[in-house]
Amino acid sequence: MHRVLVLLLSVALGGGCAPAAPTGAGAPAPPAVEQVLRWGTASLQPSLDPNVSLVGGARRYDVFETLVVQEPTGKTIAPQLARGWRLVGERNWEFTLFTDRRFQDDSPLTAEDVVFSYQRSFDPAKRFTITTRIPTYESVAATDRWTVVFTTRTPDPIFPKRTASVPIFSKAAYERLGEEAYLKQPIGSGPMRVRQFVPDDRLVLEVWPDHPTRKLKLQTVIVRHIPDPSQRVNGLRTGELDYVQNVPLESYERLKAEGFHFDIRTAGYSGSWGLDAIKDTPLKDRRVRLAINYAVDKEAVSKLVYAGLAPIERSQVTQPEAFGFDPTLQPIPYDPAKAKQLLAEAGYPNGFKIQADVWMASSEIQKLALFLQQQLKDVGIEMEINGYTDVATFLDKGRGVLPRAPIYNGAPAIIPQMDAEQALTPYLSAQPLNIRRMENPNFDRALLAASREMDPSRREQLLQEAARILAEEVPVLFLVQQTTLSAWSPKVRGIIPRIPDDLLLDTVEKVG
């Protein structure tokens, strides 16, 4: 009897003889993980209009969709709103839409919406930067409820790839609400819809559960504008943030040791600096431009500025991932003695002074500017840095609205779905004089022929020929492939690194 009382008392007080917790089918389910992704970004655009800027727009957050979507490698495309496309004649591309796609107000997405969206995107009065990605666009028309035909100014072999950049709006909702109201809370066809938007502060998105094909695990995405990179990193380390863009490269090793995951992006943008070969400055002499390239230690740039993560450019503004890259070209070696020799041959044995416009977009760019300044000084070139933090002012310089210094760090983008043509086009002689970078008729001939060539093999050969001519002319200080770093918590699963600068949310989920 005494033993029974002791046993009963032990159980009542939670002693070691208490029965084990139930397991198996009768066990309580573990608490569900809150499917909220907290996202830190350095740049949250002041408008939700995805046409306003080529980066940071609402297109990135799966609010809108496009006719096609590029695959993670950037080399191929897949259907999104269009189920198929074909070339009709030399300058007409016909797209057939899926018939089950709908907007977030449950209205059908039809050819009329596609026509409206493209006409709005290419309205000359709006001057949207998105137009630079489809320079051949001329017009679009609906031939029936589910079919549109695009007409291009010239034959365009990669037009379907280009459509991955243009989001589709709801024509009816836009006209009913008016532009201002529509853009405050857009109605797209993507799997995420806007719940709240506070410019320069945050964007709160919630899942749209009725998307016909894209069923997300995430329920909410909170995008926070955090300009200070140290705050973004600290937010990631404390668990306040789950996913962070533009992580300082010097944080890479520490975060890696702490178990965070990364997307090291080296394809998409050249890290080169422009050397004006047109204006009447010492840079007009090719030997001077070549000397500047010999004067800079690219290996040191990668190690000292980009934590050794940035591949050295191989004398071209495209990257190996891009169609049209020329594998035969090699980097210009570091040879300060050769640089001084070339400067003397060009008539500058004692060097010269030159201005450089630099957009101080990151701590890496600031370090790079000072490093280049010292490297050029070592061969006799005094480079005065004009640093800019206002992106609007710097973009005006790139567009020729404001005068631009002979040296500038505005490198052309190489968006993979556009292949090498996009990065090479700024060097055409036909560019307006105030933004022209060089003049070479052989380069013009090769690139313009490539832009019209429908045979992929011949097109690649022409693009590579243009790249070799550019390397010979050197209107560029070739440096490294511009490298950016995104990081995320081990509690996030399903982020697929992509060469296109878009994070698709379809596979992303919180697991802890």
Protein backbone atom coordinates (compact mmCIF):
# COMPACT_ATOMS: atom_id res chain seq x y z
CA MET A 1 0.00 0.00 0.00
CA HIS A 2 2.87 2.34 0.87
CA ARG A 3 4.48 1.67 -2.52
CA VAL A 4 1.24 2.48 -4.33
CA LEU A 5 0.92 5.80 -2.50
CA VAL A 6 4.50 6.73 -3.36
CA LEU A 7 3.93 5.86 -7.01
CA LEU A 8 0.72 7.87 -7.19
CA LEU A 9 2.40 10.84 -5.51
CA SER A 10 5.37 10.64 -7.93
CA VAL A 11 3.05 10.71 -10.94
CA ALA A 12 1.02 13.57 -9.52
CA LEU A 13 4.16 15.64 -8.94
CA GLY A 14 5.54 14.91 -12.45
CA GLY A 15 8.22 12.49 -11.35
CA GLY A 16 10.19 10.14 -13.56
CA CYS A 17 7.51 7.47 -13.47
CA ALA A 18 5.02 9.63 -15.40
CA PRO A 19 3.89 8.14 -18.71
CA ALA A 20 5.70 9.39 -21.87
CA ALA A 21 4.07 11.95 -24.14
CA PRO A 22 1.92 10.37 -26.82
CA THR A 23 3.60 9.70 -30.16
CA GLY A 24 2.51 8.59 -33.58
CA ALA A 25 -0.95 9.21 -34.98
CA GLY A 26 -2.27 10.48 -31.66
CA ALA A 27 0.50 13.08 -31.16
CA PRO A 28 -0.46 16.75 -31.44
CA ALA A 29 0.74 18.42 -34.66
CA PRO A 30 3.71 20.76 -34.28
CA PRO A 31 2.77 24.43 -34.46
CA ALA A 32 2.60 25.75 -38.01
CA VAL A 33 5.43 28.02 -39.12
CA GLU A 34 4.23 31.56 -39.81
CA GLN A 35 4.63 32.02 -43.55
CA VAL A 36 5.84 35.62 -43.44
CA LEU A 37 8.97 36.61 -45.36
CA ARG A 38 10.68 39.73 -44.02
CA TRP A 39 12.78 41.22 -46.80
CA GLY A 40 15.38 43.99 -46.45
CA THR A 41 16.34 46.04 -49.50
CA ALA A 42 18.61 49.00 -50.11
CA SER A 43 16.34 50.46 -52.77
CA LEU A 44 12.56 50.62 -52.63
CA GLN A 45 11.32 52.69 -55.53
CA PRO A 46 8.93 55.56 -54.68
CA SER A 47 6.33 54.27 -57.15
CA LEU A 48 4.69 50.90 -57.66
CA ASP A 49 4.64 51.49 -61.41
CA PRO A 50 6.98 48.73 -62.66
CA ASN A 51 7.76 50.74 -65.80
CA VAL A 52 9.33 53.65 -63.93
CA SER A 53 12.58 51.88 -63.15
CA LEU A 54 14.33 48.81 -64.47
CA VAL A 55 15.22 47.81 -60.91
CA GLY A 56 13.25 47.62 -57.70
CA GLY A 57 9.81 47.87 -59.30
CA ALA A 58 6.67 46.01 -58.33
CA ARG A 59 7.34 43.55 -61.15
CA ARG A 60 9.97 42.08 -58.84
CA TYR A 61 7.46 41.24 -56.12
CA ASP A 62 5.16 39.03 -58.21
CA VAL A 63 2.34 41.57 -58.32
CA PHE A 64 2.40 41.68 -62.12
CA GLU A 65 3.19 39.05 -64.72
CA THR A 66 4.62 39.17 -68.22
CA LEU A 67 4.00 37.26 -71.44
CA VAL A 68 7.04 35.08 -70.81
CA VAL A 69 9.39 34.56 -67.89
CA GLN A 70 13.10 33.86 -68.09
CA GLU A 71 14.43 30.62 -66.62
CA PRO A 72 16.96 30.78 -63.73
CA THR A 73 19.95 30.55 -66.10
CA GLY A 74 18.69 33.55 -68.06
CA LYS A 75 19.36 31.78 -71.35
CA THR A 76 15.87 30.47 -72.04
CA ILE A 77 12.29 31.63 -71.53
CA ALA A 78 9.10 29.87 -70.52
CA PRO A 79 5.40 30.71 -70.89
CA GLN A 80 3.75 32.87 -68.25
CA LEU A 81 0.72 34.69 -69.67
CA ALA A 82 1.38 33.54 -73.25
CA ARG A 83 1.21 29.84 -73.99
CA GLY A 84 2.91 30.18 -77.35
CA TRP A 85 4.49 32.55 -79.88
CA ARG A 86 5.66 32.41 -83.47
CA LEU A 87 7.19 34.61 -86.14
CA VAL A 88 4.78 35.64 -88.90
CA GLY A 89 6.70 37.22 -91.76
CA GLU A 90 9.89 39.15 -91.02
CA ARG A 91 8.62 41.69 -88.50
CA ASN A 92 5.51 40.27 -86.87
CA TRP A 93 5.47 38.15 -83.71
CA GLU A 94 2.17 36.47 -82.80
CA PHE A 95 1.49 35.58 -79.14
CA THR A 96 -1.38 33.35 -78.02
CA LEU A 97 -2.56 33.82 -74.42
CA PHE A 98 -3.71 31.29 -71.87
CA THR A 99 -7.48 31.58 -71.55
CA ASP A 100 -7.64 30.96 -67.78
CA ARG A 101 -5.43 33.86 -66.60
CA ARG A 102 -7.21 36.42 -64.44
CA PHE A 103 -6.51 39.62 -62.56
CA GLN A 104 -6.76 39.92 -58.80
CA ASP A 105 -10.26 41.43 -59.08
CA ASP A 106 -11.29 38.18 -60.84
CA SER A 107 -11.64 39.79 -64.27
CA PRO A 108 -10.21 37.87 -67.26
CA LEU A 109 -6.83 38.84 -68.70
CA THR A 110 -7.26 39.19 -72.47
CA ALA A 111 -5.47 40.50 -75.54
CA GLU A 112 -7.05 43.90 -74.88
CA ASP A 113 -5.06 44.16 -71.63
CA VAL A 114 -1.82 43.26 -73.40
CA VAL A 115 -2.38 45.90 -76.08
CA PHE A 116 -3.23 48.52 -73.44
CA SER A 117 -0.15 47.67 -71.35
CA TYR A 118 2.30 47.88 -74.25
CA GLN A 119 0.80 51.07 -75.60
CA ARG A 120 1.07 52.62 -72.15
CA SER A 121 4.65 51.37 -71.68
CA PHE A 122 5.72 52.86 -75.02
CA ASP A 123 3.77 56.12 -74.73
CA PRO A 124 6.47 58.68 -75.68
CA ALA A 125 4.95 61.24 -73.32
CA LYS A 126 5.71 58.99 -70.33
CA ARG A 127 9.36 58.35 -71.27
CA PHE A 128 9.53 55.07 -69.40
CA THR A 129 13.00 53.50 -69.13
CA ILE A 130 11.44 50.10 -69.88
CA THR A 131 11.45 51.05 -73.57
CA THR A 132 15.23 50.63 -73.72
CA ARG A 133 14.74 46.89 -73.38
CA ILE A 134 12.62 46.62 -76.51
CA PRO A 135 14.10 49.18 -78.92
CA THR A 136 12.57 47.45 -81.95
CA TYR A 137 8.94 47.75 -80.79
CA GLU A 138 6.68 49.53 -83.28
CA SER A 139 3.09 48.53 -82.54
CA VAL A 140 0.77 45.87 -81.14
CA ALA A 141 -2.76 44.82 -82.10
CA ALA A 142 -5.27 42.22 -80.93
CA THR A 143 -6.49 39.85 -83.64
CA ASP A 144 -8.96 38.11 -81.33
CA ARG A 145 -9.68 37.84 -77.58
CA TRP A 146 -6.63 35.67 -76.89
CA THR A 147 -4.15 36.66 -79.62
CA VAL A 148 -1.91 39.69 -80.11
CA VAL A 149 0.53 40.52 -82.92
CA PHE A 150 3.56 42.72 -82.38
CA THR A 151 5.20 44.54 -85.26
CA THR A 152 8.86 45.46 -84.93
CA ARG A 153 10.72 48.22 -86.77
CA THR A 154 13.31 45.74 -88.00
CA PRO A 155 13.55 41.95 -87.84
CA ASP A 156 14.18 41.08 -84.21
CA PRO A 157 15.32 37.51 -83.48
CA ILE A 158 15.04 37.86 -79.69
CA PHE A 159 11.75 39.75 -79.42
CA PRO A 160 10.06 37.00 -77.36
CA LYS A 161 12.90 37.25 -74.82
CA ARG A 162 12.42 40.99 -74.58
CA THR A 163 8.77 40.63 -73.56
CA ALA A 164 9.93 39.21 -70.22
CA SER A 165 10.41 42.85 -69.15
CA VAL A 166 6.96 44.36 -69.78
CA PRO A 167 4.25 43.82 -67.10
CA ILE A 168 0.60 43.48 -68.04
CA PHE A 169 -1.93 45.85 -66.43
CA SER A 170 -5.69 45.50 -66.13
CA LYS A 171 -7.08 47.97 -68.65
CA ALA A 172 -10.55 48.00 -67.08
CA ALA A 173 -9.28 48.57 -63.52
CA TYR A 174 -6.79 51.24 -64.63
CA GLU A 175 -9.49 53.18 -66.48
CA ARG A 176 -12.05 52.72 -63.71
CA LEU A 177 -9.76 53.81 -60.86
CA GLY A 178 -7.52 56.27 -62.67
CA GLU A 179 -3.73 56.06 -62.81
CA GLU A 180 -3.01 57.48 -59.35
CA ALA A 181 -5.38 55.17 -57.47
CA TYR A 182 -4.44 52.14 -59.56
CA LEU A 183 -0.74 52.59 -58.84
CA LYS A 184 -1.28 53.01 -55.10
CA GLN A 185 -2.81 49.54 -54.94
CA PRO A 186 -2.27 47.88 -58.32
CA ILE A 187 -4.38 45.05 -59.64
CA GLY A 188 -2.09 42.61 -61.38
CA SER A 189 -2.31 38.96 -62.32
CA GLY A 190 0.55 37.72 -60.12
CA PRO A 191 0.21 35.60 -56.98
CA MET A 192 0.96 38.52 -54.62
CA ARG A 193 -1.19 41.62 -54.12
CA VAL A 194 -0.45 44.89 -52.38
CA ARG A 195 -1.84 45.34 -48.88
CA GLN A 196 0.12 48.46 -47.90
CA PHE A 197 2.70 50.72 -49.53
CA VAL A 198 4.55 53.50 -47.75
CA PRO A 199 7.09 55.05 -50.17
CA ASP A 200 10.69 54.93 -48.96
CA ASP A 201 9.60 52.79 -46.00
CA ARG A 202 7.83 49.50 -46.66
CA LEU A 203 5.74 47.40 -48.98
CA VAL A 204 3.43 44.77 -47.52
CA LEU A 205 2.17 42.04 -49.83
CA GLU A 206 -0.31 39.25 -49.21
CA VAL A 207 -0.85 36.12 -51.21
CA TRP A 208 -3.64 36.06 -53.79
CA PRO A 209 -4.91 32.51 -53.27
CA ASP A 210 -7.01 32.35 -56.44
CA HIS A 211 -4.18 32.40 -58.96
CA PRO A 212 -5.01 29.58 -61.41
CA THR A 213 -1.56 27.99 -61.44
CA ARG A 214 0.84 29.61 -58.96
CA LYS A 215 0.06 28.42 -55.43
CA LEU A 216 2.49 30.03 -52.99
CA LYS A 217 3.38 28.71 -49.56
CA LEU A 218 4.10 32.23 -48.31
CA GLN A 219 1.16 34.22 -47.01
CA THR A 220 2.77 37.62 -46.46
CA VAL A 221 5.89 39.41 -47.68
CA ILE A 222 7.10 42.55 -45.90
CA VAL A 223 9.67 44.50 -47.92
CA ARG A 224 11.48 47.11 -45.84
CA HIS A 225 13.57 49.96 -47.20
CA ILE A 226 16.83 49.88 -45.20
CA PRO A 227 19.51 52.01 -46.91
CA ASP A 228 22.19 51.30 -44.28
CA PRO A 229 23.91 48.01 -45.22
CA SER A 230 25.03 47.35 -41.62
CA GLN A 231 21.40 47.55 -40.47
CA ARG A 232 20.37 45.03 -43.12
CA VAL A 233 23.10 42.62 -42.02
CA ASN A 234 22.27 43.07 -38.33
CA GLY A 235 18.59 42.50 -39.09
CA LEU A 236 19.46 39.23 -40.77
CA ARG A 237 21.68 38.09 -37.90
CA THR A 238 19.11 38.92 -35.21
CA GLY A 239 16.25 37.26 -37.09
CA GLU A 240 14.42 40.53 -37.71
CA LEU A 241 14.90 39.93 -41.44
CA ASP A 242 14.77 36.67 -43.40
CA TYR A 243 16.17 37.78 -46.76
CA VAL A 244 18.49 40.69 -47.52
CA GLN A 245 19.75 42.17 -50.78
CA ASN A 246 22.97 44.08 -51.42
CA VAL A 247 24.89 42.58 -48.54
CA PRO A 248 28.35 44.18 -48.13
CA LEU A 249 30.84 41.73 -49.54
CA GLU A 250 33.08 42.06 -46.51
CA SER A 251 30.27 40.41 -44.50
CA TYR A 252 30.35 37.28 -46.64
CA GLU A 253 32.80 35.13 -44.65
CA ARG A 254 31.23 35.98 -41.28
CA LEU A 255 27.68 35.27 -42.45
CA LYS A 256 28.79 32.10 -44.18
CA ALA A 257 30.37 30.86 -40.94
CA GLU A 258 27.08 31.57 -39.15
CA GLY A 259 25.15 29.34 -41.55
CA PHE A 260 23.43 31.83 -43.83
CA HIS A 261 22.79 31.06 -47.51
CA PHE A 262 23.82 33.23 -50.46
CA ASP A 263 23.19 34.23 -54.04
CA ILE A 264 26.48 35.59 -55.40
CA ARG A 265 25.43 37.42 -58.56
CA THR A 266 28.22 38.12 -61.04
CA ALA A 267 26.22 38.03 -64.27
CA GLY A 268 24.09 40.91 -65.44
CA TYR A 269 26.21 44.01 -65.04
CA SER A 270 29.70 44.95 -66.09
CA GLY A 271 31.91 46.53 -63.44
CA SER A 272 33.79 48.44 -66.13
CA TRP A 273 34.15 52.23 -66.26
CA GLY A 274 33.58 54.27 -69.39
CA LEU A 275 36.44 56.03 -71.20
CA ASP A 276 35.13 58.69 -73.57
CA ALA A 277 36.76 58.14 -76.97
CA ILE A 278 34.90 61.04 -78.64
CA LYS A 279 35.52 64.27 -76.73
CA ASP A 280 38.71 66.25 -77.26
CA THR A 281 40.61 65.01 -74.20
CA PRO A 282 43.71 62.81 -73.83
CA LEU A 283 41.33 59.81 -73.86
CA LYS A 284 40.62 60.38 -77.56
CA ASP A 285 43.95 58.68 -78.22
CA ARG A 286 43.52 54.90 -78.14
CA ARG A 287 47.00 54.50 -76.63
CA VAL A 288 45.89 56.50 -73.59
CA ARG A 289 42.81 54.36 -73.09
CA LEU A 290 44.93 51.24 -73.40
CA ALA A 291 47.45 52.70 -70.92
CA ILE A 292 44.71 53.21 -68.35
CA ASN A 293 43.81 49.53 -68.67
CA TYR A 294 47.43 48.46 -68.19
CA ALA A 295 47.71 50.75 -65.16
CA VAL A 296 45.07 48.92 -63.09
CA ASP A 297 45.62 45.65 -61.23
CA LYS A 298 42.33 43.82 -61.75
CA GLU A 299 43.33 40.94 -59.47
CA ALA A 300 43.82 43.45 -56.66
CA VAL A 301 40.44 45.06 -57.46
CA SER A 302 38.71 41.70 -57.00
CA LYS A 303 40.56 40.86 -53.77
CA LEU A 304 40.64 44.26 -52.07
CA VAL A 305 37.26 45.62 -53.14
CA TYR A 306 35.08 42.57 -53.87
CA ALA A 307 36.39 40.04 -51.33
CA GLY A 308 37.75 37.91 -54.16
CA LEU A 309 34.21 37.12 -55.35
CA ALA A 310 34.27 39.18 -58.56
CA PRO A 311 35.58 37.47 -61.74
CA ILE A 312 37.95 39.59 -63.85
CA GLU A 313 36.46 40.92 -67.08
CA ARG A 314 37.87 39.38 -70.21
CA SER A 315 38.13 42.59 -72.27
CA GLN A 316 34.40 42.75 -72.92
CA VAL A 317 31.35 44.18 -71.20
CA THR A 318 29.45 40.89 -71.43
CA GLN A 319 29.84 37.87 -69.17
CA PRO A 320 30.33 34.16 -70.00
CA GLU A 321 26.66 33.50 -69.16
CA ALA A 322 25.50 35.76 -72.00
CA PHE A 323 24.83 34.74 -75.57
CA GLY A 324 27.46 36.54 -77.68
CA PHE A 325 30.31 36.34 -75.18
CA ASP A 326 33.66 35.80 -76.94
CA PRO A 327 35.72 33.15 -75.09
CA THR A 328 38.87 33.99 -77.07
CA LEU A 329 39.28 37.42 -75.47
CA GLN A 330 41.51 37.68 -72.41
CA PRO A 331 41.97 40.31 -69.66
CA ILE A 332 44.40 43.18 -70.22
CA PRO A 333 47.27 42.43 -67.79
CA TYR A 334 48.54 44.72 -65.08
CA ASP A 335 51.69 46.36 -66.47
CA PRO A 336 52.37 49.91 -65.18
CA ALA A 337 55.63 50.09 -67.17
CA LYS A 338 53.69 49.42 -70.38
CA ALA A 339 51.16 52.04 -69.32
CA LYS A 340 53.87 54.70 -68.92
CA GLN A 341 55.36 53.73 -72.28
CA LEU A 342 52.04 54.15 -74.06
CA LEU A 343 51.42 57.51 -72.36
CA ALA A 344 54.83 58.73 -73.53
CA GLU A 345 54.13 57.54 -77.08
CA ALA A 346 50.82 59.44 -77.01
CA GLY A 347 52.62 62.65 -75.98
CA TYR A 348 51.94 62.53 -72.23
CA PRO A 349 55.26 61.48 -70.64
CA ASN A 350 54.36 63.45 -67.50
CA GLY A 351 50.74 62.34 -67.42
CA PHE A 352 47.72 64.64 -67.26
CA LYS A 353 44.69 65.56 -65.18
CA ILE A 354 41.23 64.17 -65.90
CA GLN A 355 37.74 64.26 -64.33
CA ALA A 356 35.70 61.19 -63.36
CA ASP A 357 31.98 61.06 -62.55
CA VAL A 358 31.26 58.30 -60.04
CA TRP A 359 27.94 57.18 -58.60
CA MET A 360 28.81 56.16 -55.05
CA ALA A 361 26.18 53.44 -54.99
CA SER A 362 27.91 51.22 -52.44
CA SER A 363 30.89 50.97 -50.11
CA GLU A 364 32.55 48.79 -52.76
CA ILE A 365 32.28 51.55 -55.38
CA GLN A 366 33.72 54.09 -52.95
CA LYS A 367 36.71 51.83 -52.26
CA LEU A 368 37.12 51.15 -55.96
CA ALA A 369 37.15 54.85 -56.86
CA LEU A 370 39.95 55.56 -54.38
CA PHE A 371 41.91 52.49 -55.49
CA LEU A 372 41.70 53.48 -59.17
CA GLN A 373 42.67 57.03 -58.32
CA GLN A 374 45.87 55.77 -56.70
CA GLN A 375 46.65 53.28 -59.47
CA LEU A 376 46.35 55.97 -62.16
CA LYS A 377 48.39 58.39 -60.08
CA ASP A 378 51.20 55.81 -60.03
CA VAL A 379 51.54 56.17 -63.82
CA GLY A 380 51.13 59.96 -63.82
CA ILE A 381 47.37 60.42 -64.35
CA GLU A 382 45.65 62.67 -61.80
CA MET A 383 42.00 61.57 -61.67
CA GLU A 384 39.69 63.97 -59.85
CA ILE A 385 36.60 62.16 -58.53
CA ASN A 386 33.17 63.80 -58.74
CA GLY A 387 31.13 61.61 -56.42
CA TYR A 388 27.33 61.45 -56.66
CA THR A 389 24.82 59.89 -54.28
CA ASP A 390 21.73 61.17 -56.10
CA VAL A 391 20.87 58.49 -58.64
CA ALA A 392 18.61 60.86 -60.63
CA THR A 393 21.48 63.26 -61.27
CA PHE A 394 23.82 60.48 -62.25
CA LEU A 395 21.24 58.94 -64.60
CA ASP A 396 20.80 62.34 -66.24
CA LYS A 397 24.52 62.29 -66.95
CA GLY A 398 24.19 58.84 -68.47
CA ARG A 399 21.33 60.00 -70.69
CA GLY A 400 23.18 63.12 -71.75
CA VAL A 401 20.79 65.52 -70.02
CA LEU A 402 23.77 66.79 -68.00
CA PRO A 403 27.40 66.93 -69.17
CA ARG A 404 29.40 63.81 -68.37
CA ALA A 405 33.07 63.60 -67.39
CA PRO A 406 35.51 61.73 -69.70
CA ILE A 407 35.73 58.88 -67.15
CA TYR A 408 32.51 57.56 -65.59
CA ASN A 409 31.38 54.41 -63.83
CA GLY A 410 28.10 54.01 -65.65
CA ALA A 411 28.59 50.59 -67.21
CA PRO A 412 26.02 49.09 -69.59
CA ALA A 413 23.76 46.35 -68.30
CA ILE A 414 23.79 42.94 -69.92
CA ILE A 415 20.38 41.57 -69.10
CA PRO A 416 20.66 37.89 -70.06
CA GLN A 417 17.31 37.69 -71.86
CA MET A 418 18.60 40.45 -74.15
CA ASP A 419 21.96 38.74 -74.86
CA ALA A 420 25.11 40.74 -75.69
CA GLU A 421 23.36 43.18 -78.02
CA GLN A 422 22.01 45.31 -75.19
CA ALA A 423 25.43 45.90 -73.63
CA LEU A 424 27.07 46.62 -77.00
CA THR A 425 24.43 49.01 -78.37
CA PRO A 426 25.64 52.09 -76.38
CA TYR A 427 28.88 51.99 -78.42
CA LEU A 428 27.19 52.51 -81.80
CA SER A 429 28.27 55.60 -83.74
CA ALA A 430 24.60 56.47 -84.22
CA GLN A 431 24.15 57.28 -80.54
CA PRO A 432 23.48 60.99 -79.87
CA LEU A 433 26.70 62.98 -79.68
CA ASN A 434 26.25 63.90 -76.01
CA ILE A 435 26.25 60.22 -74.97
CA ARG A 436 28.30 58.69 -77.79
CA ARG A 437 31.15 56.50 -76.51
CA MET A 438 33.07 55.68 -79.69
CA GLU A 439 32.89 55.69 -83.49
CA ASN A 440 33.86 52.64 -85.49
CA PRO A 441 32.06 51.71 -88.74
CA ASN A 442 33.16 48.06 -88.57
CA PHE A 443 31.68 47.75 -85.09
CA ASP A 444 28.46 49.36 -86.34
CA ARG A 445 28.25 46.98 -89.27
CA ALA A 446 28.74 43.84 -87.15
CA LEU A 447 26.31 44.84 -84.39
CA LEU A 448 23.57 46.08 -86.71
CA ALA A 449 23.84 42.89 -88.77
CA ALA A 450 23.59 40.83 -85.58
CA SER A 451 20.46 42.69 -84.51
CA ARG A 452 18.67 41.51 -87.67
CA GLU A 453 20.18 38.05 -88.03
CA MET A 454 17.64 35.29 -87.44
CA ASP A 455 20.14 32.41 -87.56
CA PRO A 456 21.44 31.93 -83.98
CA SER A 457 24.88 30.68 -85.00
CA ARG A 458 25.52 33.56 -87.39
CA ARG A 459 24.10 36.03 -84.88
CA GLU A 460 26.52 34.80 -82.22
CA GLN A 461 29.46 35.17 -84.60
CA LEU A 462 28.49 38.77 -85.38
CA LEU A 463 28.09 39.65 -81.71
CA GLN A 464 31.51 38.19 -80.97
CA GLU A 465 33.01 40.16 -83.86
CA ALA A 466 31.56 43.35 -82.39
CA ALA A 467 33.01 42.41 -78.98
CA ARG A 468 36.49 41.96 -80.47
CA ILE A 469 36.33 45.38 -82.15
CA LEU A 470 35.26 46.95 -78.86
CA ALA A 471 38.22 45.29 -77.13
CA GLU A 472 40.54 46.75 -79.75
CA GLU A 473 39.08 50.26 -79.42
CA VAL A 474 39.07 50.11 -75.57
CA PRO A 475 36.49 52.85 -74.82
CA VAL A 476 36.30 51.06 -71.48
CA LEU A 477 38.41 50.48 -68.39
CA PHE A 478 37.75 46.75 -68.12
CA LEU A 479 37.70 45.71 -64.46
CA VAL A 480 35.62 42.91 -62.92
CA GLN A 481 32.11 41.59 -63.27
CA GLN A 482 29.99 43.66 -60.93
CA THR A 483 29.21 41.43 -57.99
CA THR A 484 26.25 41.69 -55.63
CA LEU A 485 25.35 39.49 -52.72
CA SER A 486 21.98 38.44 -51.35
CA ALA A 487 21.69 36.38 -48.17
CA TRP A 488 18.92 34.54 -46.35
CA SER A 489 18.28 32.71 -43.15
CA PRO A 490 18.50 28.91 -42.85
CA LYS A 491 14.86 29.17 -41.80
CA VAL A 492 13.98 30.06 -45.39
CA ARG A 493 13.84 27.36 -48.04
CA GLY A 494 13.26 27.34 -51.79
CA ILE A 495 15.07 30.50 -52.92
CA ILE A 496 16.45 29.71 -56.37
CA PRO A 497 19.39 31.90 -57.44
CA ARG A 498 18.52 33.46 -60.76
CA ILE A 499 20.59 35.42 -63.26
CA PRO A 500 17.62 37.71 -63.99
CA ASP A 501 17.28 40.32 -61.26
CA ASP A 502 13.94 38.97 -60.03
CA LEU A 503 13.15 36.73 -57.08
CA LEU A 504 10.22 34.48 -57.93
CA LEU A 505 8.33 33.52 -54.78
CA ASP A 506 6.70 30.32 -56.05
CA THR A 507 9.05 27.93 -54.24
CA VAL A 508 9.90 30.01 -51.17
CA GLU A 509 8.71 29.01 -47.68
CA LYS A 510 9.59 29.49 -44.02
CA VAL A 511 10.65 26.31 -42.26
CA GLY A 512 11.49 27.57 -38.80
